Amino acid sequence: MRKIILLSLMLIACSEQKKINKAEQRVLLNPKAFNEVGLVWAKLNPIDTTITNIISRSDTLTLTDTFTYHSLDTLNHVDTVFTAIQTVVRIHDTIQKYIQDNRVLNIYKDSIQIYKSDLFVVNSYLSESKKDTSKYKWYFYGLLVLIGLILFASIYFKKFI
């Protein structure tokens, strides 16, 4: 009995999942090991991203400034009034940057291709089954016409007998 208990304890203690969980906890709790594992993972899975800039004109500010200059020449008796209008337009652009993770997009494209291929297979099976169905439908209609002719002939010949 002791041997069975010891054997079962050894099997439980040496299980692969337990080893994986223990290694995972060591990496998560040790920052140095975490950085080393992260570096290896980054080398094996390089980042594939693109940055998209979207510029939208969101705010336009128009300022109008008017000033008047008045001068009086007493020798020549000339009175001058000068009015200047200055318009300032300021446009504030908003730049939004989107970072696209192309790895995720490629995964989605692959899954879409899988669904497209499955749809193609289903459509081909459907077209084949429609051909088979139409063939059997014509057999069924022919059989109904044959039964109708037999019934008509039996009724028609019973009248004359």
Protein backbone atom coordinates (compact mmCIF):
# COMPACT_ATOMS: atom_id res chain seq x y z
CA MET A 1 0.00 0.00 0.00
CA ARG A 2 2.87 2.33 0.83
CA LYS A 3 4.40 1.74 -2.59
CA ILE A 4 1.16 2.75 -4.33
CA ILE A 5 0.92 5.94 -2.27
CA LEU A 6 4.58 6.79 -2.92
CA LEU A 7 4.20 6.06 -6.62
CA SER A 8 1.09 8.27 -6.91
CA LEU A 9 2.85 11.09 -5.00
CA MET A 10 5.83 10.85 -7.35
CA LEU A 11 3.57 10.99 -10.39
CA ILE A 12 1.74 14.03 -9.02
CA ALA A 13 4.97 15.78 -8.02
CA CYS A 14 6.63 15.17 -11.40
CA SER A 15 3.74 16.22 -13.63
CA GLU A 16 4.57 18.47 -16.57
CA GLN A 17 1.85 21.02 -15.80
CA LYS A 18 3.18 21.49 -12.30
CA LYS A 19 6.68 22.08 -13.68
CA ILE A 20 5.30 24.63 -16.15
CA ASN A 21 3.36 26.45 -13.42
CA LYS A 22 6.41 26.52 -11.16
CA ALA A 23 8.63 27.92 -13.95
CA GLU A 24 5.97 30.51 -14.80
CA GLN A 25 5.82 31.69 -11.19
CA ARG A 26 9.61 31.93 -11.04
CA VAL A 27 9.68 34.13 -14.13
CA LEU A 28 6.84 36.34 -12.95
CA LEU A 29 8.30 36.90 -9.50
CA ASN A 30 11.93 37.43 -10.58
CA PRO A 31 12.37 40.71 -12.55
CA LYS A 32 15.74 39.67 -14.01
CA ALA A 33 14.33 36.38 -15.34
CA PHE A 34 11.26 38.22 -16.59
CA ASN A 35 13.45 40.63 -18.59
CA GLU A 36 15.49 37.77 -20.06
CA VAL A 37 12.39 35.85 -21.13
CA GLY A 38 10.87 39.05 -22.54
CA LEU A 39 14.02 39.75 -24.55
CA VAL A 40 14.01 36.25 -26.02
CA TRP A 41 10.30 36.56 -26.82
CA ALA A 42 10.86 39.97 -28.48
CA LYS A 43 13.60 38.46 -30.67
CA LEU A 44 11.38 35.56 -31.69
CA ASN A 45 8.31 37.78 -32.28
CA PRO A 46 9.42 41.11 -33.72
CA ILE A 47 6.94 43.96 -33.65
CA ASP A 48 5.40 44.78 -37.01
CA THR A 49 3.62 48.09 -36.67
CA THR A 50 2.81 51.06 -38.82
CA ILE A 51 1.92 54.52 -37.62
CA THR A 52 -0.89 56.27 -39.44
CA ASN A 53 -1.26 60.01 -39.13
CA ILE A 54 -4.70 61.53 -39.53
CA ILE A 55 -4.72 65.30 -39.81
CA SER A 56 -8.05 66.95 -39.27
CA ARG A 57 -8.67 70.66 -39.38
CA SER A 58 -10.60 71.14 -36.24
CA ASP A 59 -10.39 74.83 -35.32
CA THR A 60 -10.26 77.98 -37.46
CA LEU A 61 -9.90 81.33 -35.75
CA THR A 62 -10.40 84.59 -37.64
CA LEU A 63 -9.37 87.84 -36.00
CA THR A 64 -10.13 91.23 -37.53
CA ASP A 65 -8.19 94.19 -36.25
CA THR A 66 -9.00 97.77 -37.35
CA PHE A 67 -6.95 100.81 -36.51
CA THR A 68 -7.35 104.41 -37.61
CA TYR A 69 -4.57 106.95 -38.10
CA HIS A 70 -5.53 110.63 -38.11
CA SER A 71 -3.06 113.36 -38.94
CA LEU A 72 -3.59 117.09 -39.28
CA ASP A 73 -1.14 119.25 -41.26
CA THR A 74 -1.52 122.85 -40.10
CA LEU A 75 0.72 124.42 -42.72
CA ASN A 76 -1.06 123.05 -45.73
CA HIS A 77 -4.39 122.65 -43.97
CA VAL A 78 -4.61 118.94 -44.88
CA ASP A 79 -6.56 116.59 -42.70
CA THR A 80 -5.66 112.88 -43.31
CA VAL A 81 -7.58 109.92 -41.99
CA PHE A 82 -6.07 106.52 -42.69
CA THR A 83 -7.94 103.33 -41.75
CA ALA A 84 -6.25 99.94 -41.91
CA ILE A 85 -8.02 96.62 -41.49
CA GLN A 86 -5.91 93.59 -40.69
CA THR A 87 -7.35 90.08 -40.74
CA VAL A 88 -5.53 87.21 -39.07
CA VAL A 89 -6.61 83.64 -39.73
CA ARG A 90 -5.24 80.88 -37.54
CA ILE A 91 -5.94 77.24 -38.30
CA HIS A 92 -5.29 74.68 -35.62
CA ASP A 93 -4.67 71.22 -37.00
CA THR A 94 -5.24 68.13 -34.95
CA ILE A 95 -2.91 65.24 -35.66
CA GLN A 96 -3.99 61.83 -34.45
CA LYS A 97 -1.58 58.95 -34.64
CA TYR A 98 -2.85 55.39 -34.82
CA ILE A 99 -0.45 52.52 -34.29
CA GLN A 100 -1.58 49.44 -36.14
CA ASP A 101 -0.29 46.09 -35.01
CA ASN A 102 0.16 44.28 -38.29
CA ARG A 103 0.69 40.93 -36.58
CA VAL A 104 -2.88 40.99 -35.29
CA LEU A 105 -4.17 42.19 -38.67
CA ASN A 106 -2.35 39.34 -40.42
CA ILE A 107 -3.82 36.85 -37.96
CA TYR A 108 -7.27 38.23 -38.75
CA LYS A 109 -6.56 38.02 -42.49
CA ASP A 110 -5.52 34.39 -42.10
CA SER A 111 -8.71 33.58 -40.20
CA ILE A 112 -10.76 35.35 -42.87
CA GLN A 113 -9.04 33.24 -45.54
CA ILE A 114 -9.93 30.10 -43.60
CA TYR A 115 -13.57 31.18 -43.49
CA LYS A 116 -13.52 32.03 -47.20
CA SER A 117 -12.12 28.61 -48.08
CA ASP A 118 -14.74 26.93 -45.86
CA LEU A 119 -17.44 29.00 -47.58
CA PHE A 120 -16.11 27.93 -50.99
CA VAL A 121 -16.23 24.27 -49.98
CA VAL A 122 -19.77 24.64 -48.63
CA ASN A 123 -20.90 26.43 -51.80
CA SER A 124 -19.41 23.70 -53.99
CA TYR A 125 -21.21 21.01 -51.94
CA LEU A 126 -24.40 23.04 -52.16
CA SER A 127 -24.18 23.35 -55.95
CA GLU A 128 -23.53 19.59 -56.27
CA SER A 129 -26.48 18.82 -54.01
CA LYS A 130 -28.69 21.15 -56.06
CA LYS A 131 -27.74 19.24 -59.20
CA ASP A 132 -28.52 15.92 -57.51
CA THR A 133 -31.78 17.30 -56.12
CA SER A 134 -32.92 18.55 -59.51
CA LYS A 135 -32.13 15.13 -61.04
CA TYR A 136 -34.15 13.31 -58.36
CA LYS A 137 -36.91 15.88 -58.62
CA TRP A 138 -37.33 15.05 -62.32
CA TYR A 139 -37.35 11.33 -61.48
CA PHE A 140 -40.09 12.00 -58.92
CA TYR A 141 -42.18 14.00 -61.40
CA GLY A 142 -41.74 11.26 -64.01
CA LEU A 143 -42.88 8.67 -61.48
CA LEU A 144 -45.96 10.77 -60.64
CA VAL A 145 -46.84 11.11 -64.33
CA LEU A 146 -46.40 7.34 -64.79
CA ILE A 147 -48.69 6.61 -61.80
CA GLY A 148 -51.22 9.09 -63.18
CA LEU A 149 -51.17 7.39 -66.59
CA ILE A 150 -51.63 3.97 -64.99
CA LEU A 151 -54.60 5.21 -62.95
CA PHE A 152 -56.11 6.93 -65.97
CA ALA A 153 -55.66 3.78 -68.08
CA SER A 154 -57.18 1.54 -65.40
CA ILE A 155 -60.24 3.81 -65.03
CA TYR A 156 -60.62 4.22 -68.81
CA PHE A 157 -60.43 0.48 -69.53
CA LYS A 158 -62.84 -0.41 -66.65
CA LYS A 159 -65.55 1.62 -68.42
CA PHE A 160 -65.28 -0.48 -71.53
CA ILE A 161 -65.08 -3.84 -69.87
